[in-house]
Protein backbone atom coordinates (compact mmCIF):
# COMPACT_ATOMS: atom_id res chain seq x y z
CA UNK A 1 -11.21 -8.25 -0.82
CA UNK A 2 -9.87 -11.67 0.16
CA UNK A 3 -7.52 -12.59 3.00
CA UNK A 4 -4.44 -12.58 0.76
CA UNK A 5 -5.13 -9.08 -0.51
CA UNK A 6 -5.87 -7.85 3.01
CA UNK A 7 -2.66 -9.38 4.36
CA UNK A 8 -0.60 -7.92 1.53
CA UNK A 9 -2.15 -4.50 2.12
CA UNK A 10 -1.35 -4.65 5.83
CA UNK A 11 2.23 -5.74 5.16
CA UNK A 12 2.71 -2.85 2.74
CA UNK A 13 0.85 -0.27 4.82
CA UNK A 14 2.41 -0.97 8.23
CA UNK A 15 6.02 -0.08 7.25
CA UNK A 16 4.81 2.98 5.35
CA UNK A 17 2.89 4.16 8.41
CA UNK A 18 5.98 3.66 10.58
CA UNK A 19 8.05 5.73 8.15
CA UNK A 20 5.45 8.50 8.05
CA UNK A 21 5.23 8.63 11.84
CA UNK A 22 9.02 8.64 12.13
CA UNK A 23 9.31 11.51 9.66
CA UNK A 24 6.63 13.50 11.46
CA UNK A 25 8.39 12.99 14.80
CA UNK A 26 11.78 13.97 13.36
CA UNK A 27 10.38 17.05 11.62
CA UNK A 28 8.41 17.97 14.74
CA UNK A 29 11.55 17.80 16.87
CA UNK A 30 13.81 19.47 14.32
CA UNK A 31 13.03 23.07 15.37
């Protein structure tokens, strides 16, 4: 894995992680 691939992976993974965490928090607070 080179730097470009690693950077691209981080850029794609970070927003996805934020969305997942946000959904978990919203669902957790829903009840």
